[in-house]
């Protein structure tokens, strides 16, 4: 038995919920795991490199690609576009690489909808929601980051409550603990998903 295609892992969580750290841990542990590099129309920040952190596109170019349905998922945030190119993801999956998307519940819903009409994407897709133990714990994590003002934290918590209510739409829910525990749980999910009969390919018919 051989598995030819990679997994498309969608990781969602509220802001501060751990999805970026979880993705970094997966890539550090396994060179076959890659993070999908998103496109954006916002200008690069200091230290950001095109093609590494984001693909930085002019607004006109992004909108042309959007009109051609080239995005697996996209959103407009604070007046700037963000999106994941579908062909980039499909090429990596076809090459046997596992691709991780760290996206919000809106983006995950777009991916699920697209996968529902695409057999290959549907076969590859695994959605995981990283659930904070409580809003109080999430608030503590946001405060510990030291990057958000009090008003910003209040907004993020209100948004988090809305996002956490979407957990039933995901294949798996991981209640977050330590970084090591979260990594182990996500890897367990990935390994189990590789053995799904819908992903297995046999050299000959087995009855």
Protein backbone atom coordinates (compact mmCIF):
# COMPACT_ATOMS: atom_id res chain seq x y z
CA UNK A 1 0.00 0.00 0.00
CA UNK A 2 1.27 3.47 -0.82
CA UNK A 3 -0.08 6.93 -0.23
CA UNK A 4 0.60 9.17 -3.20
CA UNK A 5 -0.85 12.49 -2.15
CA UNK A 6 -0.22 14.71 0.84
CA UNK A 7 -2.65 15.91 3.46
CA UNK A 8 -4.19 19.39 3.43
CA UNK A 9 -4.28 20.33 7.10
CA UNK A 10 -6.46 23.31 7.98
CA UNK A 11 -5.60 24.68 11.42
CA UNK A 12 -7.97 27.24 12.90
CA UNK A 13 -8.08 28.90 16.29
CA UNK A 14 -9.00 32.26 17.74
CA UNK A 15 -6.29 34.90 17.69
CA UNK A 16 -3.69 33.80 20.23
CA UNK A 17 -5.05 30.26 20.17
CA UNK A 18 -1.85 28.60 19.00
CA UNK A 19 -2.29 27.80 15.30
CA UNK A 20 0.90 29.56 14.16
CA UNK A 21 3.01 27.89 16.85
CA UNK A 22 1.45 24.50 16.04
CA UNK A 23 2.31 24.94 12.36
CA UNK A 24 5.92 25.86 13.19
CA UNK A 25 6.23 22.77 15.39
CA UNK A 26 4.92 20.51 12.63
CA UNK A 27 7.40 21.89 10.10
CA UNK A 28 10.32 21.66 12.54
CA UNK A 29 9.55 17.99 13.24
CA UNK A 30 8.92 16.87 9.66
CA UNK A 31 10.54 18.33 6.51
CA UNK A 32 7.67 16.94 4.44
CA UNK A 33 5.27 19.40 6.12
CA UNK A 34 5.06 22.84 4.54
CA UNK A 35 3.14 25.98 5.38
CA UNK A 36 1.27 27.44 2.45
CA UNK A 37 2.61 30.92 1.67
CA UNK A 38 -0.35 33.26 1.29
CA UNK A 39 -0.73 36.22 -1.04
CA UNK A 40 -1.45 39.71 0.24
CA UNK A 41 -1.80 43.23 -1.07
CA UNK A 42 -0.40 44.85 2.08
CA UNK A 43 3.18 46.17 1.86
CA UNK A 44 5.99 44.06 3.32
CA UNK A 45 6.97 44.76 6.91
CA UNK A 46 10.58 45.05 8.01
CA UNK A 47 12.29 41.67 7.70
CA UNK A 48 9.60 40.10 5.48
CA UNK A 49 10.73 38.51 2.21
CA UNK A 50 8.56 37.98 -0.85
CA UNK A 51 7.83 34.29 -1.38
CA UNK A 52 8.90 33.39 2.15
CA UNK A 53 6.49 35.22 4.44
CA UNK A 54 3.94 36.22 1.79
CA UNK A 55 3.61 36.65 -1.94
CA UNK A 56 3.20 40.43 -2.11
CA UNK A 57 0.86 41.35 -4.96
CA UNK A 58 -0.45 44.63 -6.29
CA UNK A 59 -4.17 45.05 -5.67
CA UNK A 60 -4.89 44.93 -9.41
CA UNK A 61 -3.02 41.62 -9.75
CA UNK A 62 -4.81 40.10 -6.75
CA UNK A 63 -8.22 41.12 -8.11
CA UNK A 64 -7.40 39.63 -11.52
CA UNK A 65 -6.51 36.33 -9.88
CA UNK A 66 -9.64 36.56 -7.77
CA UNK A 67 -11.76 37.01 -10.90
CA UNK A 68 -10.14 33.89 -12.38
CA UNK A 69 -11.04 31.85 -9.25
CA UNK A 70 -7.39 31.11 -8.52
CA UNK A 71 -7.74 31.23 -4.75
CA UNK A 72 -8.50 28.32 -2.47
CA UNK A 73 -9.65 30.86 0.12
CA UNK A 74 -9.40 34.62 0.50
CA UNK A 75 -10.49 37.48 2.71
CA UNK A 76 -10.30 41.25 2.96
CA UNK A 77 -8.93 42.45 6.29
CA UNK A 78 -8.49 46.13 7.19
CA UNK A 79 -8.72 47.08 3.53
CA UNK A 80 -6.08 44.56 2.34
CA UNK A 81 -6.58 41.26 0.51
CA UNK A 82 -5.20 37.95 1.76
CA UNK A 83 -5.53 34.62 -0.02
CA UNK A 84 -4.15 31.13 -0.69
CA UNK A 85 -3.44 30.15 -4.30
CA UNK A 86 -5.20 26.92 -5.20
CA UNK A 87 -2.66 25.69 -7.77
CA UNK A 88 0.25 26.09 -5.36
CA UNK A 89 -1.49 23.89 -2.80
CA UNK A 90 -2.61 21.31 -5.36
CA UNK A 91 0.90 20.99 -6.81
CA UNK A 92 2.40 20.39 -3.35
CA UNK A 93 -0.26 17.79 -2.49
CA UNK A 94 0.32 15.99 -5.79
CA UNK A 95 4.04 15.85 -4.96
CA UNK A 96 3.23 14.09 -1.68
CA UNK A 97 3.86 17.06 0.60
CA UNK A 98 1.64 17.80 3.58
CA UNK A 99 0.38 21.39 3.41
CA UNK A 100 -0.76 23.36 6.47
CA UNK A 101 -3.11 26.32 6.21
CA UNK A 102 -3.37 28.49 9.33
CA UNK A 103 -6.63 30.28 8.62
CA UNK A 104 -9.70 31.56 10.45
CA UNK A 105 -13.15 30.00 10.47
CA UNK A 106 -14.23 32.05 7.44
CA UNK A 107 -11.32 30.78 5.37
CA UNK A 108 -11.86 27.21 6.55
CA UNK A 109 -15.51 27.39 5.46
CA UNK A 110 -14.40 28.48 1.98
CA UNK A 111 -11.97 25.55 1.72
CA UNK A 112 -14.63 23.06 2.85
CA UNK A 113 -17.10 24.42 0.30
CA UNK A 114 -14.58 24.17 -2.53
CA UNK A 115 -13.48 20.68 -1.46
CA UNK A 116 -17.09 19.48 -1.48
CA UNK A 117 -17.04 19.79 -5.28
CA UNK A 118 -13.49 18.56 -5.84
CA UNK A 119 -12.68 14.89 -5.18
CA UNK A 120 -8.93 15.39 -4.82
CA UNK A 121 -9.20 18.28 -2.37
CA UNK A 122 -11.89 16.45 -0.43
CA UNK A 123 -9.67 13.39 -0.14
CA UNK A 124 -6.74 15.48 1.14
CA UNK A 125 -8.59 17.81 3.51
CA UNK A 126 -8.35 17.46 7.29
CA UNK A 127 -9.73 20.30 9.42
CA UNK A 128 -8.63 20.86 13.01
CA UNK A 129 -9.88 23.50 15.45
CA UNK A 130 -7.56 24.43 18.30
CA UNK A 131 -9.87 25.21 21.20
CA UNK A 132 -8.61 27.23 24.19
CA UNK A 133 -9.59 25.65 27.53
CA UNK A 134 -11.58 28.80 28.29
CA UNK A 135 -11.92 32.45 27.31
CA UNK A 136 -10.10 33.35 30.53
CA UNK A 137 -7.08 31.28 29.51
CA UNK A 138 -7.16 32.86 26.04
CA UNK A 139 -7.27 36.33 27.60
CA UNK A 140 -4.20 35.48 29.68
CA UNK A 141 -2.35 34.31 26.57
CA UNK A 142 -3.20 37.48 24.67
CA UNK A 143 -2.01 39.63 27.58
CA UNK A 144 1.22 37.64 27.84
CA UNK A 145 2.02 38.35 24.18
CA UNK A 146 2.25 42.02 25.06
CA UNK A 147 1.35 43.14 21.54
CA UNK A 148 -2.27 44.22 22.01
CA UNK A 149 -3.86 47.16 23.79
CA UNK A 150 -6.71 46.53 26.25
CA UNK A 151 -9.34 47.55 23.65
CA UNK A 152 -7.79 45.25 21.06
CA UNK A 153 -7.84 42.29 23.47
CA UNK A 154 -11.51 42.93 24.21
CA UNK A 155 -12.29 42.87 20.47
CA UNK A 156 -10.27 39.70 19.95
CA UNK A 157 -12.07 37.94 22.81
CA UNK A 158 -15.48 38.88 21.39
CA UNK A 159 -14.40 37.54 18.02
CA UNK A 160 -12.95 34.44 19.66
CA UNK A 161 -16.30 33.61 21.24
CA UNK A 162 -17.93 33.72 17.81
CA UNK A 163 -15.19 31.58 16.26
CA UNK A 164 -15.22 29.00 19.05
CA UNK A 165 -18.92 28.43 18.41
CA UNK A 166 -17.97 27.01 14.97
CA UNK A 167 -16.09 23.99 16.34
CA UNK A 168 -18.69 21.47 15.14
CA UNK A 169 -17.85 22.28 11.52
CA UNK A 170 -14.36 20.77 11.94
CA UNK A 171 -13.23 17.16 11.67
CA UNK A 172 -11.30 17.37 14.93
CA UNK A 173 -11.14 19.61 17.99
CA UNK A 174 -7.96 19.80 20.07
CA UNK A 175 -8.30 21.49 23.45
CA UNK A 176 -4.96 23.22 23.74
CA UNK A 177 -2.49 22.60 26.53
CA UNK A 178 1.28 22.80 26.31
CA UNK A 179 3.04 23.23 22.97
CA UNK A 180 4.33 19.66 23.26
CA UNK A 181 0.87 18.24 23.99
CA UNK A 182 -0.72 20.11 21.10
CA UNK A 183 1.98 18.92 18.70
CA UNK A 184 1.56 15.30 19.80
CA UNK A 185 -2.23 15.46 19.39
CA UNK A 186 -2.06 17.00 15.92
CA UNK A 187 0.54 14.46 14.78
CA UNK A 188 -1.69 11.65 16.07
CA UNK A 189 -4.55 12.99 13.94
CA UNK A 190 -2.33 13.23 10.87
CA UNK A 191 -1.01 9.70 11.24
CA UNK A 192 -4.52 8.29 11.67
CA UNK A 193 -5.74 10.18 8.59
CA UNK A 194 -3.05 8.56 6.42
CA UNK A 195 -4.70 5.18 6.98
CA UNK A 196 -8.14 6.21 5.73
CA UNK A 197 -9.30 3.83 3.01
CA UNK A 198 -10.14 6.79 0.77
CA UNK A 199 -6.42 7.68 0.64
CA UNK A 200 -4.96 4.20 0.21
CA UNK A 201 -3.77 2.97 -3.18
CA UNK A 202 -2.99 -0.68 -3.80
CA UNK A 203 -0.84 -2.09 -6.60
CA UNK A 204 -3.65 -4.47 -7.55
CA UNK A 205 -7.26 -5.07 -6.67
CA UNK A 206 -7.64 -6.55 -3.19
CA UNK A 207 -10.92 -8.22 -2.27
